PDB file of all heavy atoms in Angstrom:
ATOM      1  N   VAL A   1      78.644 106.203 106.394  1.00  0.00           N
ATOM      2  CA  VAL A   1      77.242 106.142 106.799  1.00  0.00           C
ATOM      3  C   VAL A   1      77.139 105.943 108.303  1.00  0.00           C
ATOM      4  O   VAL A   1      76.380 106.625 108.968  1.00  0.00           O
ATOM      5  CB  VAL A   1      76.510 105.016 106.057  1.00  0.00           C
ATOM      6  CG1 VAL A   1      75.079 104.880 106.521  1.00  0.00           C
ATOM      7  CG2 VAL A   1      76.551 105.250 104.547  1.00  0.00           C
ATOM      8  N   GLY A   2      77.910 105.005 108.836  1.00  0.00           N
ATOM      9  CA  GLY A   2      77.896 104.753 110.270  1.00  0.00           C
ATOM     10  C   GLY A   2      78.887 103.670 110.612  1.00  0.00           C
ATOM     11  O   GLY A   2      79.276 102.874 109.770  1.00  0.00           O
ATOM     12  N   TYR A   3      79.284 103.659 111.888  1.00  0.00           N
ATOM     13  CA  TYR A   3      80.281 102.671 112.320  1.00  0.00           C
ATOM     14  C   TYR A   3      80.343 102.575 113.817  1.00  0.00           C
ATOM     15  O   TYR A   3      79.914 103.494 114.547  1.00  0.00           O
ATOM     16  CB  TYR A   3      81.672 103.009 111.776  1.00  0.00           C
ATOM     17  CG  TYR A   3      82.190 104.339 112.272  1.00  0.00           C
ATOM     18  CD1 TYR A   3      82.939 104.430 113.443  1.00  0.00           C
ATOM     19  CD2 TYR A   3      81.926 105.500 111.567  1.00  0.00           C
ATOM     20  CE1 TYR A   3      83.415 105.638 113.892  1.00  0.00           C
ATOM     21  CE2 TYR A   3      82.373 106.735 112.022  1.00  0.00           C
ATOM     22  CZ  TYR A   3      83.120 106.792 113.174  1.00  0.00           C
ATOM     23  OH  TYR A   3      83.567 108.004 113.636  1.00  0.00           O
ATOM     24  N   ASP A   4      80.820 101.464 114.296  1.00  0.00           N
ATOM     25  CA  ASP A   4      81.292 101.287 115.655  1.00  0.00           C
ATOM     26  C   ASP A   4      82.505 100.348 115.549  1.00  0.00           C
ATOM     27  O   ASP A   4      83.062 100.225 114.462  1.00  0.00           O
ATOM     28  CB  ASP A   4      80.180 100.757 116.598  1.00  0.00           C
ATOM     29  CG  ASP A   4      79.711  99.335 116.279  1.00  0.00           C
ATOM     30  OD1 ASP A   4      80.345  98.620 115.459  1.00  0.00           O
ATOM     31  OD2 ASP A   4      78.712  98.909 116.862  1.00  0.00           O
ATOM     32  N   ASP A   5      82.939  99.776 116.632  1.00  0.00           N
ATOM     33  CA  ASP A   5      84.136  98.924 116.579  1.00  0.00           C
ATOM     34  C   ASP A   5      83.942  97.657 115.739  1.00  0.00           C
ATOM     35  O   ASP A   5      84.895  97.130 115.185  1.00  0.00           O
ATOM     36  CB  ASP A   5      84.584  98.499 117.987  1.00  0.00           C
ATOM     37  CG  ASP A   5      85.067  99.663 118.804  1.00  0.00           C
ATOM     38  OD1 ASP A   5      85.481 100.688 118.203  1.00  0.00           O
ATOM     39  OD2 ASP A   5      85.048  99.558 120.040  1.00  0.00           O
ATOM     40  N   ARG A   6      82.696  97.200 115.608  1.00  0.00           N
ATOM     41  CA  ARG A   6      82.441  95.919 114.948  1.00  0.00           C
ATOM     42  C   ARG A   6      82.045  96.006 113.488  1.00  0.00           C
ATOM     43  O   ARG A   6      82.227  95.061 112.752  1.00  0.00           O
ATOM     44  CB  ARG A   6      81.365  95.157 115.731  1.00  0.00           C
ATOM     45  CG  ARG A   6      81.834  94.751 117.115  1.00  0.00           C
ATOM     46  CD  ARG A   6      80.718  94.196 117.944  1.00  0.00           C
ATOM     47  NE  ARG A   6      79.741  95.284 118.123  1.00  0.00           N
ATOM     48  CZ  ARG A   6      78.522  95.149 118.567  1.00  0.00           C
ATOM     49  NH1 ARG A   6      78.075  93.984 118.866  1.00  0.00           N
ATOM     50  NH2 ARG A   6      77.753  96.190 118.732  1.00  0.00           N
ATOM     51  N   VAL A   7      81.469  97.109 113.069  1.00  0.00           N
ATOM     52  CA  VAL A   7      80.954  97.203 111.702  1.00  0.00           C
ATOM     53  C   VAL A   7      81.060  98.638 111.197  1.00  0.00           C
ATOM     54  O   VAL A   7      80.994  99.580 111.983  1.00  0.00           O
ATOM     55  CB  VAL A   7      79.503  96.670 111.636  1.00  0.00           C
ATOM     56  CG1 VAL A   7      78.536  97.588 112.356  1.00  0.00           C
ATOM     57  CG2 VAL A   7      79.068  96.450 110.191  1.00  0.00           C
ATOM     58  N   MET A   8      81.212  98.778 109.882  1.00  0.00           N
ATOM     59  CA  MET A   8      81.278 100.105 109.245  1.00  0.00           C
ATOM     60  C   MET A   8      80.589 100.021 107.910  1.00  0.00           C
ATOM     61  O   MET A   8      80.814  99.070 107.141  1.00  0.00           O
ATOM     62  CB  MET A   8      82.735 100.517 109.049  1.00  0.00           C
ATOM     63  CG  MET A   8      82.922 101.771 108.205  1.00  0.00           C
ATOM     64  SD  MET A   8      84.683 102.169 107.972  1.00  0.00           S
ATOM     65  CE  MET A   8      84.984 103.063 109.508  1.00  0.00           C
ATOM     66  N   MET A   9      79.760 101.031 107.584  1.00  0.00           N
ATOM     67  CA  MET A   9      79.113 101.121 106.291  1.00  0.00           C
ATOM     68  C   MET A   9      79.625 102.372 105.603  1.00  0.00           C
ATOM     69  O   MET A   9      79.664 103.455 106.199  1.00  0.00           O
ATOM     70  CB  MET A   9      77.605 101.164 106.386  1.00  0.00           C
ATOM     71  CG  MET A   9      76.921 101.250 105.025  1.00  0.00           C
ATOM     72  SD  MET A   9      75.115 101.307 105.134  1.00  0.00           S
ATOM     73  CE  MET A   9      74.784  99.599 105.460  1.00  0.00           C
ATOM     74  N   VAL A  10      80.027 102.221 104.316  1.00  0.00           N
ATOM     75  CA  VAL A  10      80.613 103.300 103.540  1.00  0.00           C
ATOM     76  C   VAL A  10      80.004 103.309 102.147  1.00  0.00           C
ATOM     77  O   VAL A  10      79.906 102.266 101.503  1.00  0.00           O
ATOM     78  CB  VAL A  10      82.144 103.133 103.426  1.00  0.00           C
ATOM     79  CG1 VAL A  10      82.759 104.306 102.663  1.00  0.00           C
ATOM     80  CG2 VAL A  10      82.788 102.988 104.790  1.00  0.00           C
ATOM     81  N   LYS A  11      79.573 104.490 101.682  1.00  0.00           N
ATOM     82  CA  LYS A  11      79.159 104.655 100.272  1.00  0.00           C
ATOM     83  C   LYS A  11      80.408 105.030  99.499  1.00  0.00           C
ATOM     84  O   LYS A  11      81.187 105.893  99.915  1.00  0.00           O
ATOM     85  CB  LYS A  11      78.125 105.773 100.167  1.00  0.00           C
ATOM     86  CG  LYS A  11      76.795 105.442 100.798  1.00  0.00           C
ATOM     87  CD  LYS A  11      75.869 106.613 100.924  1.00  0.00           C
ATOM     88  CE  LYS A  11      75.639 107.420  99.686  1.00  0.00           C
ATOM     89  NZ  LYS A  11      74.646 108.507  99.867  1.00  0.00           N
ATOM     90  N   VAL A  12      80.595 104.387  98.335  1.00  0.00           N
ATOM     91  CA  VAL A  12      81.761 104.676  97.510  1.00  0.00           C
ATOM     92  C   VAL A  12      81.283 104.995  96.089  1.00  0.00           C
ATOM     93  O   VAL A  12      80.652 104.182  95.440  1.00  0.00           O
ATOM     94  CB  VAL A  12      82.768 103.491  97.478  1.00  0.00           C
ATOM     95  CG1 VAL A  12      84.034 103.901  96.746  1.00  0.00           C
ATOM     96  CG2 VAL A  12      83.075 102.992  98.873  1.00  0.00           C
ATOM     97  N   LYS A  13      81.557 106.225  95.667  1.00  0.00           N
ATOM     98  CA  LYS A  13      81.098 106.729  94.362  1.00  0.00           C
ATOM     99  C   LYS A  13      82.252 106.663  93.374  1.00  0.00           C
ATOM    100  O   LYS A  13      83.360 107.131  93.658  1.00  0.00           O
ATOM    101  CB  LYS A  13      80.625 108.185  94.545  1.00  0.00           C
ATOM    102  CG  LYS A  13      80.020 108.806  93.337  1.00  0.00           C
ATOM    103  CD  LYS A  13      79.286 110.129  93.610  1.00  0.00           C
ATOM    104  CE  LYS A  13      79.958 111.039  94.580  1.00  0.00           C
ATOM    105  NZ  LYS A  13      79.277 112.334  94.720  1.00  0.00           N
ATOM    106  N   PHE A  14      81.993 106.052  92.194  1.00  0.00           N
ATOM    107  CA  PHE A  14      83.010 105.876  91.153  1.00  0.00           C
ATOM    108  C   PHE A  14      82.606 106.601  89.883  1.00  0.00           C
ATOM    109  O   PHE A  14      81.455 106.515  89.459  1.00  0.00           O
ATOM    110  CB  PHE A  14      83.128 104.399  90.785  1.00  0.00           C
ATOM    111  CG  PHE A  14      83.855 103.533  91.780  1.00  0.00           C
ATOM    112  CD1 PHE A  14      83.203 103.108  92.932  1.00  0.00           C
ATOM    113  CD2 PHE A  14      85.154 103.112  91.548  1.00  0.00           C
ATOM    114  CE1 PHE A  14      83.857 102.276  93.831  1.00  0.00           C
ATOM    115  CE2 PHE A  14      85.805 102.278  92.459  1.00  0.00           C
ATOM    116  CZ  PHE A  14      85.132 101.865  93.605  1.00  0.00           C
ATOM    117  N   GLU A  15      83.564 107.249  89.255  1.00  0.00           N
ATOM    118  CA  GLU A  15      83.411 107.734  87.892  1.00  0.00           C
ATOM    119  C   GLU A  15      83.786 106.605  86.942  1.00  0.00           C
ATOM    120  O   GLU A  15      84.588 105.717  87.299  1.00  0.00           O
ATOM    121  CB  GLU A  15      84.312 108.955  87.642  1.00  0.00           C
ATOM    122  CG  GLU A  15      83.965 110.148  88.462  1.00  0.00           C
ATOM    123  CD  GLU A  15      84.918 111.318  88.265  1.00  0.00           C
ATOM    124  OE1 GLU A  15      85.807 111.233  87.363  1.00  0.00           O
ATOM    125  OE2 GLU A  15      84.838 112.287  89.033  1.00  0.00           O
ATOM    126  N   ARG A  16      83.234 106.640  85.748  1.00  0.00           N
ATOM    127  CA  ARG A  16      83.561 105.610  84.757  1.00  0.00           C
ATOM    128  C   ARG A  16      85.075 105.567  84.557  1.00  0.00           C
ATOM    129  O   ARG A  16      85.732 106.583  84.418  1.00  0.00           O
ATOM    130  CB  ARG A  16      82.860 105.934  83.426  1.00  0.00           C
ATOM    131  CG  ARG A  16      83.063 104.876  82.371  1.00  0.00           C
ATOM    132  CD  ARG A  16      82.237 105.190  81.132  1.00  0.00           C
ATOM    133  NE  ARG A  16      82.296 104.122  80.177  1.00  0.00           N
ATOM    134  CZ  ARG A  16      83.090 104.133  79.116  1.00  0.00           C
ATOM    135  NH1 ARG A  16      83.875 105.168  78.871  1.00  0.00           N
ATOM    136  NH2 ARG A  16      83.116 103.102  78.290  1.00  0.00           N
ATOM    137  N   GLY A  17      85.624 104.362  84.538  1.00  0.00           N
ATOM    138  CA  GLY A  17      87.061 104.188  84.332  1.00  0.00           C
ATOM    139  C   GLY A  17      87.896 104.193  85.621  1.00  0.00           C
ATOM    140  O   GLY A  17      89.066 103.806  85.573  1.00  0.00           O
ATOM    141  N   ALA A  18      87.322 104.615  86.723  1.00  0.00           N
ATOM    142  CA  ALA A  18      88.075 104.619  87.980  1.00  0.00           C
ATOM    143  C   ALA A  18      88.378 103.197  88.429  1.00  0.00           C
ATOM    144  O   ALA A  18      87.584 102.275  88.179  1.00  0.00           O
ATOM    145  CB  ALA A  18      87.300 105.378  89.072  1.00  0.00           C
ATOM    146  N   VAL A  19      89.506 103.039  89.094  1.00  0.00           N
ATOM    147  CA  VAL A  19      89.945 101.707  89.506  1.00  0.00           C
ATOM    148  C   VAL A  19      90.235 101.657  90.969  1.00  0.00           C
ATOM    149  O   VAL A  19      91.008 102.487  91.478  1.00  0.00           O
ATOM    150  CB  VAL A  19      91.206 101.280  88.706  1.00  0.00           C
ATOM    151  CG1 VAL A  19      91.746  99.935  89.199  1.00  0.00           C
ATOM    152  CG2 VAL A  19      90.926 101.215  87.211  1.00  0.00           C
ATOM    153  N   GLY A  20      89.635 100.705  91.661  1.00  0.00           N
ATOM    154  CA  GLY A  20      90.009 100.358  93.021  1.00  0.00           C
ATOM    155  C   GLY A  20      91.011  99.222  92.880  1.00  0.00           C
ATOM    156  O   GLY A  20      90.647  98.075  92.603  1.00  0.00           O
ATOM    157  N   TYR A  21      92.280  99.540  92.977  1.00  0.00           N
ATOM    158  CA  TYR A  21      93.355  98.606  92.673  1.00  0.00           C
ATOM    159  C   TYR A  21      93.324  97.379  93.604  1.00  0.00           C
ATOM    160  O   TYR A  21      92.800  97.443  94.711  1.00  0.00           O
ATOM    161  CB  TYR A  21      94.691  99.292  92.733  1.00  0.00           C
ATOM    162  CG  TYR A  21      94.829 100.352  91.654  1.00  0.00           C
ATOM    163  CD1 TYR A  21      94.609 101.673  91.931  1.00  0.00           C
ATOM    164  CD2 TYR A  21      95.096  99.955  90.337  1.00  0.00           C
ATOM    165  CE1 TYR A  21      94.674 102.637  90.906  1.00  0.00           C
ATOM    166  CE2 TYR A  21      95.170 100.889  89.323  1.00  0.00           C
ATOM    167  CZ  TYR A  21      94.958 102.232  89.612  1.00  0.00           C
ATOM    168  OH  TYR A  21      95.016 103.165  88.628  1.00  0.00           O
ATOM    169  N   LEU A  22      93.872  96.284  93.113  1.00  0.00           N
ATOM    170  CA  LEU A  22      93.914  95.049  93.881  1.00  0.00           C
ATOM    171  C   LEU A  22      94.574  95.289  95.244  1.00  0.00           C
ATOM    172  O   LEU A  22      95.635  95.911  95.324  1.00  0.00           O
ATOM    173  CB  LEU A  22      94.668  93.949  93.126  1.00  0.00           C
ATOM    174  CG  LEU A  22      93.981  93.373  91.898  1.00  0.00           C
ATOM    175  CD1 LEU A  22      94.913  92.437  91.146  1.00  0.00           C
ATOM    176  CD2 LEU A  22      92.685  92.659  92.269  1.00  0.00           C
ATOM    177  N   HIS A  23      93.905  94.812  96.277  1.00  0.00           N
ATOM    178  CA  HIS A  23      94.380  94.965  97.643  1.00  0.00           C
ATOM    179  C   HIS A  23      93.728  93.885  98.514  1.00  0.00           C
ATOM    180  O   HIS A  23      92.844  93.169  98.059  1.00  0.00           O
ATOM    181  CB  HIS A  23      94.047  96.375  98.171  1.00  0.00           C
ATOM    182  CG  HIS A  23      92.589  96.619  98.308  1.00  0.00           C
ATOM    183  ND1 HIS A  23      91.758  96.853  97.204  1.00  0.00           N
ATOM    184  CD2 HIS A  23      91.785  96.646  99.379  1.00  0.00           C
ATOM    185  CE1 HIS A  23      90.524  97.028  97.639  1.00  0.00           C
ATOM    186  NE2 HIS A  23      90.493  96.907  98.948  1.00  0.00           N
ATOM    187  N   HIS A  24      94.136  93.817  99.756  1.00  0.00           N
ATOM    188  CA  HIS A  24      93.501  92.939 100.717  1.00  0.00           C
ATOM    189  C   HIS A  24      93.568  93.577 102.083  1.00  0.00           C
ATOM    190  O   HIS A  24      94.362  94.476 102.334  1.00  0.00           O
ATOM    191  CB  HIS A  24      94.138  91.549 100.717  1.00  0.00           C
ATOM    192  CG  HIS A  24      95.571  91.529 101.165  1.00  0.00           C
ATOM    193  ND1 HIS A  24      95.929  91.420 102.483  1.00  0.00           N
ATOM    194  CD2 HIS A  24      96.716  91.671 100.464  1.00  0.00           C
ATOM    195  CE1 HIS A  24      97.239  91.455 102.573  1.00  0.00           C
ATOM    196  NE2 HIS A  24      97.758  91.602 101.356  1.00  0.00           N
ATOM    197  N   HIS A  25      92.709  93.136 102.971  1.00  0.00           N
ATOM    198  CA  HIS A  25      92.667  93.613 104.359  1.00  0.00           C
ATOM    199  C   HIS A  25      92.072  92.493 105.205  1.00  0.00           C
ATOM    200  O   HIS A  25      91.403  91.605 104.681  1.00  0.00           O
ATOM    201  CB  HIS A  25      91.872  94.898 104.489  1.00  0.00           C
ATOM    202  CG  HIS A  25      90.639  94.960 103.665  1.00  0.00           C
ATOM    203  ND1 HIS A  25      89.481  94.264 103.991  1.00  0.00           N
ATOM    204  CD2 HIS A  25      90.350  95.603 102.498  1.00  0.00           C
ATOM    205  CE1 HIS A  25      88.559  94.494 103.061  1.00  0.00           C
ATOM    206  NE2 HIS A  25      89.064  95.302 102.156  1.00  0.00           N
ATOM    207  N   TYR A  26      92.306  92.567 106.505  1.00  0.00           N
ATOM    208  CA  TYR A  26      91.806  91.500 107.387  1.00  0.00           C
ATOM    209  C   TYR A  26      90.311  91.614 107.632  1.00  0.00           C
ATOM    210  O   TYR A  26      89.710  90.662 108.162  1.00  0.00           O
ATOM    211  CB  TYR A  26      92.598  91.449 108.688  1.00  0.00           C
ATOM    212  CG  TYR A  26      92.223  92.541 109.699  1.00  0.00           C
ATOM    213  CD1 TYR A  26      91.214  92.339 110.621  1.00  0.00           C
ATOM    214  CD2 TYR A  26      92.911  93.739 109.706  1.00  0.00           C
ATOM    215  CE1 TYR A  26      90.888  93.324 111.524  1.00  0.00           C
ATOM    216  CE2 TYR A  26      92.613  94.724 110.616  1.00  0.00           C
ATOM    217  CZ  TYR A  26      91.602  94.514 111.523  1.00  0.00           C
ATOM    218  OH  TYR A  26      91.278  95.490 112.436  1.00  0.00           O
ATOM    219  N   HIS A  27      89.675  92.692 107.220  1.00  0.00           N
ATOM    220  CA  HIS A  27      88.234  92.858 107.411  1.00  0.00           C
ATOM    221  C   HIS A  27      87.473  92.021 106.398  1.00  0.00           C
ATOM    222  O   HIS A  27      87.872  91.938 105.244  1.00  0.00           O
ATOM    223  CB  HIS A  27      87.859  94.347 107.201  1.00  0.00           C
ATOM    224  CG  HIS A  27      88.754  95.286 107.898  1.00  0.00           C
ATOM    225  ND1 HIS A  27      89.996  95.646 107.365  1.00  0.00           N
ATOM    226  CD2 HIS A  27      88.623  95.922 109.060  1.00  0.00           C
ATOM    227  CE1 HIS A  27      90.577  96.485 108.200  1.00  0.00           C
ATOM    228  NE2 HIS A  27      89.767  96.655 109.244  1.00  0.00           N
ATOM    229  N   SER A  28      86.365  91.455 106.826  1.00  0.00           N
ATOM    230  CA  SER A  28      85.399  90.867 105.875  1.00  0.00           C
ATOM    231  C   SER A  28      84.640  92.023 105.258  1.00  0.00           C
ATOM    232  O   SER A  28      84.462  93.066 105.894  1.00  0.00           O
ATOM    233  CB  SER A  28      84.432  89.947 106.601  1.00  0.00           C
ATOM    234  OG  SER A  28      85.108  88.841 107.140  1.00  0.00           O
ATOM    235  N   GLN A  29      84.207  91.845 104.018  1.00  0.00           N
ATOM    236  CA  GLN A  29      83.516  92.927 103.302  1.00  0.00           C
ATOM    237  C   GLN A  29      82.318  92.368 102.526  1.00  0.00           C
ATOM    238  O   GLN A  29      82.476  91.415 101.775  1.00  0.00           O
ATOM    239  CB  GLN A  29      84.504  93.592 102.335  1.00  0.00           C
ATOM    240  CG  GLN A  29      83.887  94.690 101.488  1.00  0.00           C
ATOM    241  CD  GLN A  29      84.916  95.338 100.575  1.00  0.00           C
ATOM    242  OE1 GLN A  29      86.122  95.282 100.822  1.00  0.00           O
ATOM    243  NE2 GLN A  29      84.431  95.979  99.518  1.00  0.00           N
ATOM    244  N   ALA A  30      81.175  93.007 102.702  1.00  0.00           N
ATOM    245  CA  ALA A  30      79.995  92.697 101.912  1.00  0.00           C
ATOM    246  C   ALA A  30      79.666  93.991 101.170  1.00  0.00           C
ATOM    247  O   ALA A  30      79.681  95.062 101.752  1.00  0.00           O
ATOM    248  CB  ALA A  30      78.830  92.286 102.790  1.00  0.00           C
ATOM    249  N   THR A  31      79.385  93.866  99.855  1.00  0.00           N
ATOM    250  CA  THR A  31      79.149  95.064  99.042  1.00  0.00           C
ATOM    251  C   THR A  31      77.867  94.914  98.233  1.00  0.00           C
ATOM    252  O   THR A  31      77.647  93.874  97.621  1.00  0.00           O
ATOM    253  CB  THR A  31      80.347  95.323  98.097  1.00  0.00           C
ATOM    254  OG1 THR A  31      81.515  95.569  98.911  1.00  0.00           O
ATOM    255  CG2 THR A  31      80.117  96.533  97.216  1.00  0.00           C
ATOM    256  N   TYR A  32      77.093  95.968  98.197  1.00  0.00           N
ATOM    257  CA  TYR A  32      75.879  96.066  97.385  1.00  0.00           C
ATOM    258  C   TYR A  32      76.086  97.094  96.296  1.00  0.00           C
ATOM    259  O   TYR A  32      76.625  98.171  96.559  1.00  0.00           O
ATOM    260  CB  TYR A  32      74.694  96.480  98.288  1.00  0.00           C
ATOM    261  CG  TYR A  32      73.436  96.746  97.508  1.00  0.00           C
ATOM    262  CD1 TYR A  32      72.676  95.677  97.010  1.00  0.00           C
ATOM    263  CD2 TYR A  32      72.998  98.034  97.258  1.00  0.00           C
ATOM    264  CE1 TYR A  32      71.509  95.921  96.307  1.00  0.00           C
ATOM    265  CE2 TYR A  32      71.841  98.261  96.528  1.00  0.00           C
ATOM    266  CZ  TYR A  32      71.101  97.215  96.054  1.00  0.00           C
ATOM    267  OH  TYR A  32      69.964  97.439  95.342  1.00  0.00           O
ATOM    268  N   VAL A  33      75.722  96.747  95.061  1.00  0.00           N
ATOM    269  CA  VAL A  33      75.875  97.688  93.943  1.00  0.00           C
ATOM    270  C   VAL A  33      74.588  98.536  93.865  1.00  0.00           C
ATOM    271  O   VAL A  33      73.541  98.065  93.451  1.00  0.00           O
ATOM    272  CB  VAL A  33      76.095  96.927  92.605  1.00  0.00           C
ATOM    273  CG1 VAL A  33      76.284  97.938  91.464  1.00  0.00           C
ATOM    274  CG2 VAL A  33      77.273  95.986  92.706  1.00  0.00           C
ATOM    275  N   ALA A  34      74.695  99.799  94.309  1.00  0.00           N
ATOM    276  CA  ALA A  34      73.544 100.692  94.317  1.00  0.00           C
ATOM    277  C   ALA A  34      73.217 101.232  92.936  1.00  0.00           C
ATOM    278  O   ALA A  34      72.072 101.481  92.613  1.00  0.00           O
ATOM    279  CB  ALA A  34      73.796 101.857  95.294  1.00  0.00           C
ATOM    280  N   SER A  35      74.273 101.418  92.115  1.00  0.00           N
ATOM    281  CA  SER A  35      74.104 101.895  90.755  1.00  0.00           C
ATOM    282  C   SER A  35      75.363 101.637  89.956  1.00  0.00           C
ATOM    283  O   SER A  35      76.444 101.378  90.517  1.00  0.00           O
ATOM    284  CB  SER A  35      73.749 103.399  90.735  1.00  0.00           C
ATOM    285  OG  SER A  35      74.809 104.168  91.280  1.00  0.00           O
ATOM    286  N   GLY A  36      75.253 101.703  88.644  1.00  0.00           N
ATOM    287  CA  GLY A  36      76.422 101.535  87.763  1.00  0.00           C
ATOM    288  C   GLY A  36      76.741 100.089  87.458  1.00  0.00           C
ATOM    289  O   GLY A  36      75.947  99.176  87.737  1.00  0.00           O
TER     290      GLY A  36
END
C-alpha cells in the first residue's frame, strides 16, 4: 500500500487453509483483520 524507511503497510490475502508459518522479525507489527 505504501512505505518509507519508518513504516510499511501491506495487504495480505489468504485462501482458506493457507498458513503463515511461525516466524519472527525485528519489526513491530500491527495487523487489522479486513475480512475472514
